[in-house]
Amino acid sequence: MLTLSGAKVAAASAARGRHFRFNWPLLLVLALALSGCMPATTQIAGADPADPAAKVARASYRSTIAPYTSLRPATPGPWRDRNDAVAPQPKQDR
C-alpha cells in the first residue's frame, strides 16, 4: 500500500518538473504584432463636452412618488354592498 502511494507522489513530482517554460521575448514580439491589428480609435461622443455652445437636453423634474396613494387601513364597509359591487351582472334572457 505504501509503495503505491509513493509511486503516485513520485509521478506527481516528475510531472511538476516538466512545466512549459515561458519565452518572454517571444511573448513580447507576439503582443507587439497583435497590437498593430487593433482598429483605430474613433470618436465616441458627437460633441465636445467642454464646449459651452454644445446643445444638451433640457433638465426636467419628475417626482418619484407621484403615483403614490395612501394604503392606511380604512374602516370596513358592509360586505354585502362591496360584494354586489364587484359581482358580474346577471344576464338578461331573450
Protein backbone atom coordinates (compact mmCIF):
# COMPACT_ATOMS: atom_id res chain seq x y z
CA MET A 1 0.00 0.00 0.00
CA LEU A 2 2.78 2.41 0.87
CA THR A 3 4.61 1.62 -2.33
CA LEU A 4 1.59 2.59 -4.44
CA SER A 5 1.20 5.94 -2.70
CA GLY A 6 4.96 6.52 -3.01
CA ALA A 7 4.71 5.87 -6.76
CA LYS A 8 1.90 8.39 -7.05
CA VAL A 9 3.94 11.04 -5.25
CA ALA A 10 6.96 10.35 -7.45
CA ALA A 11 4.87 10.59 -10.61
CA ALA A 12 3.32 13.85 -9.45
CA SER A 13 6.71 15.40 -8.67
CA ALA A 14 8.06 14.27 -12.06
CA ALA A 15 5.05 15.84 -13.80
CA ARG A 16 5.65 19.11 -11.93
CA GLY A 17 9.23 19.21 -13.21
CA ARG A 18 8.11 19.23 -16.87
CA HIS A 19 6.48 22.66 -16.89
CA PHE A 20 6.41 24.65 -20.07
CA ARG A 21 8.99 27.40 -19.77
CA PHE A 22 7.73 30.80 -20.76
CA ASN A 23 9.60 32.51 -23.55
CA TRP A 24 9.26 36.19 -22.58
CA PRO A 25 10.85 37.70 -25.71
CA LEU A 26 8.54 35.66 -27.92
CA LEU A 27 5.56 36.82 -25.87
CA LEU A 28 6.65 40.44 -26.22
CA VAL A 29 7.05 40.16 -30.01
CA LEU A 30 3.65 38.49 -30.28
CA ALA A 31 1.99 41.21 -28.19
CA LEU A 32 3.54 43.96 -30.30
CA ALA A 33 2.49 42.25 -33.52
CA LEU A 34 -1.09 41.85 -32.33
CA SER A 35 -1.26 45.43 -31.10
CA GLY A 36 -0.83 46.51 -34.72
CA CYS A 37 -4.05 44.64 -35.54
CA MET A 38 -6.13 46.83 -33.22
CA PRO A 39 -8.59 49.12 -35.00
CA ALA A 40 -8.02 52.84 -34.94
CA THR A 41 -9.87 54.64 -32.19
CA THR A 42 -12.96 56.54 -33.21
CA GLN A 43 -14.77 59.44 -31.66
CA ILE A 44 -17.49 58.07 -29.41
CA ALA A 45 -19.27 61.28 -28.40
CA GLY A 46 -20.76 63.57 -31.02
CA ALA A 47 -19.87 66.90 -29.39
CA ASP A 48 -17.03 68.00 -27.17
CA PRO A 49 -18.33 68.05 -23.58
CA ALA A 50 -16.08 71.02 -22.77
CA ASP A 51 -17.70 73.15 -25.49
CA PRO A 52 -20.04 75.71 -23.83
CA ALA A 53 -22.04 76.10 -27.05
CA ALA A 54 -22.84 72.37 -27.26
CA LYS A 55 -26.55 71.56 -27.24
CA VAL A 56 -27.75 69.40 -24.37
CA ALA A 57 -31.09 68.01 -23.34
CA ARG A 58 -33.17 70.13 -21.01
CA ALA A 59 -33.13 69.08 -17.36
CA SER A 60 -36.58 68.28 -16.03
CA TYR A 61 -38.02 67.11 -12.73
CA ARG A 62 -40.24 64.11 -12.26
CA SER A 63 -41.41 63.13 -8.81
CA THR A 64 -40.56 59.59 -7.84
CA ILE A 65 -43.54 59.31 -5.51
CA ALA A 66 -46.18 60.97 -7.73
CA PRO A 67 -48.37 57.87 -8.26
CA TYR A 68 -48.41 57.14 -4.51
CA THR A 69 -51.72 56.56 -2.76
CA SER A 70 -52.04 56.00 0.94
CA LEU A 71 -52.63 52.40 1.93
CA ARG A 72 -53.56 53.06 5.54
CA PRO A 73 -56.30 50.80 6.88
CA ALA A 74 -59.77 52.05 6.08
CA THR A 75 -62.89 51.48 8.07
CA PRO A 76 -64.59 48.31 6.92
CA GLY A 77 -67.70 48.76 4.83
CA PRO A 78 -70.69 46.48 4.67
CA TRP A 79 -69.52 43.30 2.98
CA ARG A 80 -72.75 42.68 1.06
CA ASP A 81 -72.53 46.07 -0.71
CA ARG A 82 -68.88 45.51 -1.62
CA ASN A 83 -69.62 42.01 -2.90
CA ASP A 84 -72.52 43.24 -5.03
CA ALA A 85 -70.34 45.99 -6.50
CA VAL A 86 -67.78 43.53 -7.90
CA ALA A 87 -70.14 40.66 -8.78
CA PRO A 88 -70.88 40.07 -12.50
CA GLN A 89 -74.22 41.40 -13.68
CA PRO A 90 -76.87 38.75 -14.31
CA LYS A 91 -77.52 38.04 -17.99
CA GLN A 92 -80.86 39.00 -19.50
CA ASP A 93 -82.80 36.14 -21.12
CA ARG A 94 -84.15 36.86 -24.60
